[in-house]
C-alpha atoms as a PDB file:
ATOM      1  CA  MET A   1     -95.882 164.497-110.108  1.00  0.00           C
ATOM      2  CA  SER A   2     -98.370 161.682-110.634  1.00  0.00           C
ATOM      3  CA  SER A   3     -99.510 161.244-114.218  1.00  0.00           C
ATOM      4  CA  LEU A   4    -103.054 160.893-115.551  1.00  0.00           C
ATOM      5  CA  ALA A   5    -102.014 160.862-119.214  1.00  0.00           C
ATOM      6  CA  ASN A   6    -104.687 159.444-121.532  1.00  0.00           C
ATOM      7  CA  GLN A   7    -107.249 159.328-118.722  1.00  0.00           C
ATOM      8  CA  VAL A   8    -110.768 160.777-118.734  1.00  0.00           C
ATOM      9  CA  ALA A   9    -111.933 162.096-115.369  1.00  0.00           C
ATOM     10  CA  VAL A  10    -115.422 163.132-114.308  1.00  0.00           C
ATOM     11  CA  ILE A  11    -115.361 165.594-111.421  1.00  0.00           C
ATOM     12  CA  THR A  12    -118.682 166.562-109.872  1.00  0.00           C
ATOM     13  CA  GLY A  13    -118.855 170.058-108.462  1.00  0.00           C
ATOM     14  CA  GLY A  14    -115.681 170.659-110.419  1.00  0.00           C
ATOM     15  CA  GLY A  15    -116.235 174.332-111.113  1.00  0.00           C
ATOM     16  CA  SER A  16    -115.236 175.902-107.801  1.00  0.00           C
ATOM     17  CA  GLY A  17    -113.523 175.342-104.480  1.00  0.00           C
ATOM     18  CA  ILE A  18    -111.992 171.914-103.955  1.00  0.00           C
ATOM     19  CA  GLY A  19    -113.571 170.715-107.202  1.00  0.00           C
ATOM     20  CA  ARG A  20    -111.864 173.404-109.229  1.00  0.00           C
ATOM     21  CA  ALA A  21    -108.506 172.630-107.646  1.00  0.00           C
ATOM     22  CA  ILE A  22    -108.951 168.946-108.475  1.00  0.00           C
ATOM     23  CA  SER A  23    -110.052 169.742-112.035  1.00  0.00           C
ATOM     24  CA  GLU A  24    -106.979 171.898-112.610  1.00  0.00           C
ATOM     25  CA  ALA A  25    -104.602 169.397-111.002  1.00  0.00           C
ATOM     26  CA  PHE A  26    -105.965 166.496-113.035  1.00  0.00           C
ATOM     27  CA  ALA A  27    -105.841 168.457-116.286  1.00  0.00           C
ATOM     28  CA  GLY A  28    -102.288 169.499-115.464  1.00  0.00           C
ATOM     29  CA  ALA A  29    -101.403 165.839-115.026  1.00  0.00           C
ATOM     30  CA  GLY A  30    -102.708 165.023-118.506  1.00  0.00           C
ATOM     31  CA  ALA A  31    -106.327 163.981-117.989  1.00  0.00           C
ATOM     32  CA  ALA A  32    -109.256 165.152-120.065  1.00  0.00           C
ATOM     33  CA  VAL A  33    -111.597 166.601-117.450  1.00  0.00           C
ATOM     34  CA  ALA A  34    -115.393 166.526-117.594  1.00  0.00           C
ATOM     35  CA  ILE A  35    -116.685 169.085-115.109  1.00  0.00           C
ATOM     36  CA  PHE A  36    -120.181 168.309-113.828  1.00  0.00           C
ATOM     37  CA  ASP A  37    -121.672 171.372-112.144  1.00  0.00           C
ATOM     38  CA  LEU A  38    -124.783 173.534-111.852  1.00  0.00           C
ATOM     39  CA  ASP A  39    -122.872 176.823-111.897  1.00  0.00           C
ATOM     40  CA  GLU A  40    -122.120 177.459-115.560  1.00  0.00           C
ATOM     41  CA  ASN A  41    -120.187 180.666-114.889  1.00  0.00           C
ATOM     42  CA  ALA A  42    -117.838 179.153-112.325  1.00  0.00           C
ATOM     43  CA  ALA A  43    -117.344 176.011-114.391  1.00  0.00           C
ATOM     44  CA  GLY A  44    -116.720 178.114-117.494  1.00  0.00           C
ATOM     45  CA  GLU A  45    -113.978 180.020-115.690  1.00  0.00           C
ATOM     46  CA  THR A  46    -112.386 176.752-114.661  1.00  0.00           C
ATOM     47  CA  VAL A  47    -112.544 175.361-118.202  1.00  0.00           C
ATOM     48  CA  ASN A  48    -110.999 178.562-119.542  1.00  0.00           C
ATOM     49  CA  ALA A  49    -108.182 178.409-116.992  1.00  0.00           C
ATOM     50  CA  ILE A  50    -107.449 174.779-117.859  1.00  0.00           C
ATOM     51  CA  GLU A  51    -107.442 175.442-121.595  1.00  0.00           C
ATOM     52  CA  ALA A  52    -105.229 178.497-121.150  1.00  0.00           C
ATOM     53  CA  ALA A  53    -102.724 176.259-119.396  1.00  0.00           C
ATOM     54  CA  GLY A  54    -102.816 173.801-122.294  1.00  0.00           C
ATOM     55  CA  GLY A  55    -105.154 171.238-120.768  1.00  0.00           C
ATOM     56  CA  ARG A  56    -108.446 169.711-121.888  1.00  0.00           C
ATOM     57  CA  ALA A  57    -111.743 170.279-120.107  1.00  0.00           C
ATOM     58  CA  LYS A  58    -115.423 170.585-120.868  1.00  0.00           C
ATOM     59  CA  PHE A  59    -118.403 171.671-118.788  1.00  0.00           C
ATOM     60  CA  PHE A  60    -121.564 169.572-118.524  1.00  0.00           C
ATOM     61  CA  ARG A  61    -124.491 170.984-116.619  1.00  0.00           C
ATOM     62  CA  CYS A  62    -125.493 168.399-114.051  1.00  0.00           C
ATOM     63  CA  ASP A  63    -127.732 168.147-111.026  1.00  0.00           C
ATOM     64  CA  VAL A  64    -126.239 165.108-109.300  1.00  0.00           C
ATOM     65  CA  SER A  65    -129.473 164.499-107.391  1.00  0.00           C
ATOM     66  CA  ASP A  66    -131.410 163.946-110.642  1.00  0.00           C
ATOM     67  CA  ALA A  67    -130.913 160.660-112.504  1.00  0.00           C
ATOM     68  CA  ALA A  68    -131.784 162.036-115.940  1.00  0.00           C
ATOM     69  CA  SER A  69    -129.389 164.948-115.484  1.00  0.00           C
ATOM     70  CA  VAL A  70    -126.564 162.614-114.462  1.00  0.00           C
ATOM     71  CA  GLU A  71    -127.199 160.276-117.390  1.00  0.00           C
ATOM     72  CA  SER A  72    -127.217 163.192-119.825  1.00  0.00           C
ATOM     73  CA  ALA A  73    -123.939 164.560-118.472  1.00  0.00           C
ATOM     74  CA  VAL A  74    -122.273 161.148-118.554  1.00  0.00           C
ATOM     75  CA  THR A  75    -123.430 160.614-122.131  1.00  0.00           C
ATOM     76  CA  GLY A  76    -122.038 164.019-123.067  1.00  0.00           C
ATOM     77  CA  ALA A  77    -118.698 163.259-121.426  1.00  0.00           C
ATOM     78  CA  ARG A  78    -118.393 159.958-123.281  1.00  0.00           C
ATOM     79  CA  GLU A  79    -119.218 161.601-126.573  1.00  0.00           C
ATOM     80  CA  ALA A  80    -116.641 164.318-125.943  1.00  0.00           C
ATOM     81  CA  PHE A  81    -113.796 162.253-124.545  1.00  0.00           C
ATOM     82  CA  GLY A  82    -114.533 158.521-124.788  1.00  0.00           C
ATOM     83  CA  GLY A  83    -114.445 156.054-121.912  1.00  0.00           C
ATOM     84  CA  ILE A  84    -114.393 157.283-118.308  1.00  0.00           C
ATOM     85  CA  GLY A  85    -111.606 155.938-116.103  1.00  0.00           C
ATOM     86  CA  ILE A  86    -111.857 158.254-113.086  1.00  0.00           C
ATOM     87  CA  LEU A  87    -114.847 159.506-111.097  1.00  0.00           C
ATOM     88  CA  VAL A  88    -114.431 162.068-108.346  1.00  0.00           C
ATOM     89  CA  ASN A  89    -117.623 162.503-106.330  1.00  0.00           C
ATOM     90  CA  ASN A  90    -116.950 165.971-104.988  1.00  0.00           C
ATOM     91  CA  ALA A  91    -120.315 167.761-105.277  1.00  0.00           C
ATOM     92  CA  GLY A  92    -121.954 168.363-101.931  1.00  0.00           C
ATOM     93  CA  ILE A  93    -123.695 170.872 -99.707  1.00  0.00           C
ATOM     94  CA  ALA A  94    -123.338 171.798 -96.042  1.00  0.00           C
ATOM     95  CA  ASN A  95    -125.946 172.197 -93.347  1.00  0.00           C
ATOM     96  CA  ILE A  96    -125.884 173.520 -89.802  1.00  0.00           C
ATOM     97  CA  GLY A  97    -128.201 172.080 -87.185  1.00  0.00           C
ATOM     98  CA  THR A  98    -128.855 169.420 -84.560  1.00  0.00           C
ATOM     99  CA  ALA A  99    -131.218 166.445 -84.685  1.00  0.00           C
ATOM    100  CA  THR A 100    -134.025 168.559 -83.258  1.00  0.00           C
ATOM    101  CA  ASN A 101    -133.652 171.846 -85.125  1.00  0.00           C
ATOM    102  CA  THR A 102    -132.771 170.518 -88.590  1.00  0.00           C
ATOM    103  CA  GLY A 103    -135.872 170.910 -90.736  1.00  0.00           C
ATOM    104  CA  GLU A 104    -137.149 167.936 -92.699  1.00  0.00           C
ATOM    105  CA  SER A 105    -136.741 169.746 -96.003  1.00  0.00           C
ATOM    106  CA  ASP A 106    -133.127 170.626 -95.158  1.00  0.00           C
ATOM    107  CA  PHE A 107    -132.396 167.056 -94.125  1.00  0.00           C
ATOM    108  CA  ASP A 108    -133.890 165.720 -97.352  1.00  0.00           C
ATOM    109  CA  ARG A 109    -131.923 168.197 -99.458  1.00  0.00           C
ATOM    110  CA  VAL A 110    -128.602 167.240 -97.860  1.00  0.00           C
ATOM    111  CA  MET A 111    -129.325 163.549 -98.378  1.00  0.00           C
ATOM    112  CA  ARG A 112    -130.476 164.150-101.938  1.00  0.00           C
ATOM    113  CA  VAL A 113    -127.267 165.898-102.947  1.00  0.00           C
ATOM    114  CA  ASN A 114    -124.613 164.328-100.720  1.00  0.00           C
ATOM    115  CA  VAL A 115    -125.840 160.733-100.707  1.00  0.00           C
ATOM    116  CA  LYS A 116    -128.183 160.184-103.638  1.00  0.00           C
ATOM    117  CA  GLY A 117    -125.879 162.286-105.814  1.00  0.00           C
ATOM    118  CA  VAL A 118    -122.965 159.945-105.158  1.00  0.00           C
ATOM    119  CA  TYR A 119    -125.186 156.911-105.730  1.00  0.00           C
ATOM    120  CA  LEU A 120    -126.489 158.183-109.080  1.00  0.00           C
ATOM    121  CA  CYS A 121    -123.018 159.026-110.367  1.00  0.00           C
ATOM    122  CA  LEU A 122    -121.703 155.635-109.289  1.00  0.00           C
ATOM    123  CA  GLN A 123    -124.637 153.910-110.964  1.00  0.00           C
ATOM    124  CA  ALA A 124    -123.983 155.765-114.226  1.00  0.00           C
ATOM    125  CA  VAL A 125    -120.182 155.513-114.343  1.00  0.00           C
ATOM    126  CA  LEU A 126    -119.286 152.157-112.793  1.00  0.00           C
ATOM    127  CA  PRO A 127    -120.656 150.119-115.743  1.00  0.00           C
ATOM    128  CA  ILE A 128    -118.465 152.211-118.076  1.00  0.00           C
ATOM    129  CA  MET A 129    -115.422 151.419-115.947  1.00  0.00           C
ATOM    130  CA  VAL A 130    -116.311 147.713-115.885  1.00  0.00           C
ATOM    131  CA  GLU A 131    -116.653 147.755-119.662  1.00  0.00           C
ATOM    132  CA  GLY A 132    -113.309 149.523-119.971  1.00  0.00           C
ATOM    133  CA  GLY A 133    -111.481 147.064-117.742  1.00  0.00           C
ATOM    134  CA  GLY A 134    -111.057 149.155-114.608  1.00  0.00           C
ATOM    135  CA  GLY A 135    -110.946 152.600-113.104  1.00  0.00           C
ATOM    136  CA  VAL A 136    -110.741 154.694-109.954  1.00  0.00           C
ATOM    137  CA  VAL A 137    -113.473 156.218-107.806  1.00  0.00           C
ATOM    138  CA  LEU A 138    -112.630 158.892-105.257  1.00  0.00           C
ATOM    139  CA  ASN A 139    -115.286 160.197-102.887  1.00  0.00           C
ATOM    140  CA  LEU A 140    -115.009 163.448-100.964  1.00  0.00           C
ATOM    141  CA  SER A 141    -116.134 162.642 -97.460  1.00  0.00           C
ATOM    142  CA  SER A 142    -115.296 164.623 -94.308  1.00  0.00           C
ATOM    143  CA  ILE A 143    -113.931 164.235 -90.820  1.00  0.00           C
ATOM    144  CA  ALA A 144    -117.617 164.652 -89.923  1.00  0.00           C
ATOM    145  CA  ALA A 145    -118.021 161.018 -91.018  1.00  0.00           C
ATOM    146  CA  ILE A 146    -115.678 159.728 -88.337  1.00  0.00           C
ATOM    147  CA  THR A 147    -115.909 162.110 -85.390  1.00  0.00           C
ATOM    148  CA  GLY A 148    -118.593 164.076 -83.607  1.00  0.00           C
ATOM    149  CA  LEU A 149    -119.017 167.660 -84.781  1.00  0.00           C
ATOM    150  CA  LYS A 150    -121.499 169.990 -83.120  1.00  0.00           C
ATOM    151  CA  ASP A 151    -124.411 171.306 -85.191  1.00  0.00           C
ATOM    152  CA  ARG A 152    -123.671 169.092 -88.189  1.00  0.00           C
ATOM    153  CA  PHE A 153    -126.326 166.392 -87.773  1.00  0.00           C
ATOM    154  CA  ALA A 154    -127.544 166.025 -91.366  1.00  0.00           C
ATOM    155  CA  TYR A 155    -124.156 166.759 -92.905  1.00  0.00           C
ATOM    156  CA  SER A 156    -122.433 164.196 -90.679  1.00  0.00           C
ATOM    157  CA  ALA A 157    -125.057 161.588 -91.514  1.00  0.00           C
ATOM    158  CA  SER A 158    -124.576 162.196 -95.229  1.00  0.00           C
ATOM    159  CA  LYS A 159    -120.796 161.946 -95.047  1.00  0.00           C
ATOM    160  CA  GLY A 160    -121.085 158.799 -92.946  1.00  0.00           C
ATOM    161  CA  ALA A 161    -123.032 157.322 -95.845  1.00  0.00           C
ATOM    162  CA  VAL A 162    -120.328 158.404 -98.292  1.00  0.00           C
ATOM    163  CA  HIS A 163    -117.749 156.705 -96.069  1.00  0.00           C
ATOM    164  CA  THR A 164    -119.563 153.360 -96.092  1.00  0.00           C
ATOM    165  CA  MET A 165    -120.471 153.587 -99.792  1.00  0.00           C
ATOM    166  CA  THR A 166    -116.751 153.897-100.431  1.00  0.00           C
ATOM    167  CA  LEU A 167    -116.081 150.607 -98.673  1.00  0.00           C
ATOM    168  CA  SER A 168    -118.988 148.900-100.405  1.00  0.00           C
ATOM    169  CA  VAL A 169    -117.895 149.935-103.896  1.00  0.00           C
ATOM    170  CA  ALA A 170    -114.315 148.905-103.150  1.00  0.00           C
ATOM    171  CA  ALA A 171    -115.530 145.444-102.124  1.00  0.00           C
ATOM    172  CA  ASP A 172    -117.986 144.957-104.974  1.00  0.00           C
ATOM    173  CA  TYR A 173    -115.793 146.161-107.836  1.00  0.00           C
ATOM    174  CA  LEU A 174    -112.276 145.082-106.919  1.00  0.00           C
ATOM    175  CA  GLN A 175    -112.693 142.060-109.195  1.00  0.00           C
ATOM    176  CA  HIS A 176    -113.341 144.460-112.073  1.00  0.00           C
ATOM    177  CA  GLY A 177    -110.099 146.356-111.549  1.00  0.00           C
ATOM    178  CA  ILE A 178    -111.785 149.333-109.895  1.00  0.00           C
ATOM    179  CA  ARG A 179    -110.306 151.001-106.830  1.00  0.00           C
ATOM    180  CA  CYS A 180    -112.388 153.196-104.519  1.00  0.00           C
ATOM    181  CA  ASN A 181    -111.103 155.488-101.778  1.00  0.00           C
ATOM    182  CA  ALA A 182    -112.239 158.577 -99.901  1.00  0.00           C
ATOM    183  CA  ILE A 183    -110.697 161.795 -98.625  1.00  0.00           C
ATOM    184  CA  CYS A 184    -111.861 163.237 -95.303  1.00  0.00           C
ATOM    185  CA  PRO A 185    -110.849 166.898 -94.997  1.00  0.00           C
ATOM    186  CA  ALA A 186    -111.212 169.148 -91.996  1.00  0.00           C
ATOM    187  CA  ARG A 187    -112.031 172.771 -92.756  1.00  0.00           C
ATOM    188  CA  VAL A 188    -110.819 173.927 -96.188  1.00  0.00           C
ATOM    189  CA  HIS A 189    -110.563 177.587 -97.198  1.00  0.00           C
ATOM    190  CA  THR A 190    -113.037 177.749-100.086  1.00  0.00           C
ATOM    191  CA  PRO A 191    -115.428 180.422-101.404  1.00  0.00           C
ATOM    192  CA  PHE A 192    -118.096 178.735 -99.259  1.00  0.00           C
ATOM    193  CA  VAL A 193    -116.178 179.671 -96.101  1.00  0.00           C
ATOM    194  CA  ASP A 194    -115.739 183.254 -97.260  1.00  0.00           C
ATOM    195  CA  GLY A 195    -119.427 183.519 -98.097  1.00  0.00           C
ATOM    196  CA  TYR A 196    -120.446 182.007 -94.767  1.00  0.00           C
ATOM    197  CA  LEU A 197    -118.323 184.498 -92.849  1.00  0.00           C
ATOM    198  CA  ALA A 198    -119.487 187.474 -94.902  1.00  0.00           C
ATOM    199  CA  LYS A 199    -123.121 186.538 -94.319  1.00  0.00           C
ATOM    200  CA  ASN A 200    -122.985 185.621 -90.642  1.00  0.00           C
ATOM    201  CA  TYR A 201    -120.099 187.705 -89.290  1.00  0.00           C
ATOM    202  CA  PRO A 202    -119.888 190.866 -91.423  1.00  0.00           C
ATOM    203  CA  ASP A 203    -118.550 192.987 -88.557  1.00  0.00           C
ATOM    204  CA  ASN A 204    -115.863 190.603 -87.290  1.00  0.00           C
ATOM    205  CA  ARG A 205    -115.056 188.468 -90.280  1.00  0.00           C
ATOM    206  CA  ASP A 206    -111.282 188.455 -89.741  1.00  0.00           C
ATOM    207  CA  GLU A 207    -111.646 187.507 -86.104  1.00  0.00           C
ATOM    208  CA  MET A 208    -113.935 184.573 -86.937  1.00  0.00           C
ATOM    209  CA  PHE A 209    -111.693 183.459 -89.798  1.00  0.00           C
ATOM    210  CA  GLU A 210    -108.774 183.250 -87.390  1.00  0.00           C
ATOM    211  CA  LYS A 211    -110.896 181.399 -84.837  1.00  0.00           C
ATOM    212  CA  LEU A 212    -112.044 178.824 -87.399  1.00  0.00           C
ATOM    213  CA  SER A 213    -108.487 178.439 -88.663  1.00  0.00           C
ATOM    214  CA  LYS A 214    -107.120 177.693 -85.202  1.00  0.00           C
ATOM    215  CA  VAL A 215    -109.587 174.868 -84.654  1.00  0.00           C
ATOM    216  CA  GLN A 216    -107.070 172.812 -86.625  1.00  0.00           C
ATOM    217  CA  PRO A 217    -103.980 172.213 -84.443  1.00  0.00           C
ATOM    218  CA  ILE A 218    -101.745 173.106 -87.381  1.00  0.00           C
ATOM    219  CA  GLY A 219    -103.165 176.643 -87.079  1.00  0.00           C
ATOM    220  CA  ARG A 220    -104.831 177.149 -90.447  1.00  0.00           C
ATOM    221  CA  MET A 221    -107.374 175.748 -92.877  1.00  0.00           C
ATOM    222  CA  ALA A 222    -106.339 173.470 -95.709  1.00  0.00           C
ATOM    223  CA  LEU A 223    -105.927 174.924 -99.173  1.00  0.00           C
ATOM    224  CA  PRO A 224    -107.998 173.381-101.998  1.00  0.00           C
ATOM    225  CA  ALA A 225    -104.756 172.694-103.877  1.00  0.00           C
ATOM    226  CA  GLU A 226    -103.521 170.546-100.982  1.00  0.00           C
ATOM    227  CA  VAL A 227    -106.627 168.368-101.166  1.00  0.00           C
ATOM    228  CA  ALA A 228    -106.222 168.209-104.944  1.00  0.00           C
ATOM    229  CA  LYS A 229    -102.678 166.869-104.671  1.00  0.00           C
ATOM    230  CA  LEU A 230    -103.867 164.021-102.483  1.00  0.00           C
ATOM    231  CA  ALA A 231    -106.718 163.351-104.915  1.00  0.00           C
ATOM    232  CA  LEU A 232    -104.280 163.272-107.823  1.00  0.00           C
ATOM    233  CA  TYR A 233    -102.083 160.731-106.098  1.00  0.00           C
ATOM    234  CA  LEU A 234    -105.005 158.461-105.169  1.00  0.00           C
ATOM    235  CA  CYS A 235    -106.403 158.511-108.703  1.00  0.00           C
ATOM    236  CA  SER A 236    -103.050 157.803-110.365  1.00  0.00           C
ATOM    237  CA  ASP A 237    -101.227 154.535-110.899  1.00  0.00           C
ATOM    238  CA  ASP A 238     -98.847 155.598-108.123  1.00  0.00           C
ATOM    239  CA  ALA A 239    -101.629 154.483-105.753  1.00  0.00           C
ATOM    240  CA  SER A 240    -102.426 151.254-107.600  1.00  0.00           C
ATOM    241  CA  TYR A 241    -102.179 149.194-104.382  1.00  0.00           C
ATOM    242  CA  ILE A 242    -104.565 151.419-102.417  1.00  0.00           C
ATOM    243  CA  THR A 243    -108.298 150.735-102.175  1.00  0.00           C
ATOM    244  CA  ALA A 244    -111.042 150.762 -99.519  1.00  0.00           C
ATOM    245  CA  GLN A 245    -109.216 153.482 -97.574  1.00  0.00           C
ATOM    246  CA  THR A 246    -110.123 156.886 -96.189  1.00  0.00           C
ATOM    247  CA  PHE A 247    -107.461 159.549 -95.928  1.00  0.00           C
ATOM    248  CA  ASN A 248    -107.742 162.296 -93.333  1.00  0.00           C
ATOM    249  CA  ILE A 249    -106.343 165.661 -94.357  1.00  0.00           C
ATOM    250  CA  ASP A 250    -107.130 167.564 -91.191  1.00  0.00           C
ATOM    251  CA  GLY A 251    -104.158 169.519 -89.875  1.00  0.00           C
ATOM    252  CA  GLY A 252    -104.027 167.247 -86.827  1.00  0.00           C
ATOM    253  CA  TYR A 253    -107.689 167.775 -85.898  1.00  0.00           C
ATOM    254  CA  LEU A 254    -108.503 164.158 -85.081  1.00  0.00           C
ATOM    255  CA  ASN A 255    -105.398 163.173 -83.159  1.00  0.00           C
ATOM    256  CA  LEU A 256    -103.823 166.331 -81.771  1.00  0.00           C
ATOM    257  CA  ARG A 257    -106.705 168.357 -80.338  1.00  0.00           C
ATOM    258  CA  ASN A 258    -106.605 168.800 -76.568  1.00  0.00           C
END
């Protein structure tokens, strides 16, 4: 198992879903984890689970789309743990719609969280990494950034931005000892998926779950823990030669669909 001993990791949206799995994996590998989230209850449960397992974690309330909120959370993390060597930009929101039926307010909200949120966290944490002599940035993108998905206009645009920001940061900060990569998952079985199905398909939830699962040629959705293991590897010294890359974790979606 890759080690993150003596590392401090900031994980946005780290209280639930993929973020929680990453938080727990990183803490299990020895990192002190700063969980940036808006959901205090979910983040609190994650912190409790990490501490019960013998790890270190602390919750910092953070709206990644607000510069003052990000700065406050970063300051809190530094005061609690010291320098920050790992940033995982995981926080994000979904949206369903085409170019013509996506409302302007919805489009702006997706861009504010998924794009501006990454930018603000990078702007706050990269100088700390430069000062500390290096670090690792990992961005959660999506296969939506690299292939056409129906009814995902705003979401795809936002993840396309995350994809290219990854390459830009990798180019600009390599000389400072900072690596930057991205993960592009297909559908992952998170509480968001369960909530979406319960809201939109209350009478045939199981049928729709199976249908969504079989979109991936491997026949199921990814588990958050599987994404977390890839994240752990990429943020560890085991991946010290890897930067400016995107890693698809898609159950064969991109290359094996008929």
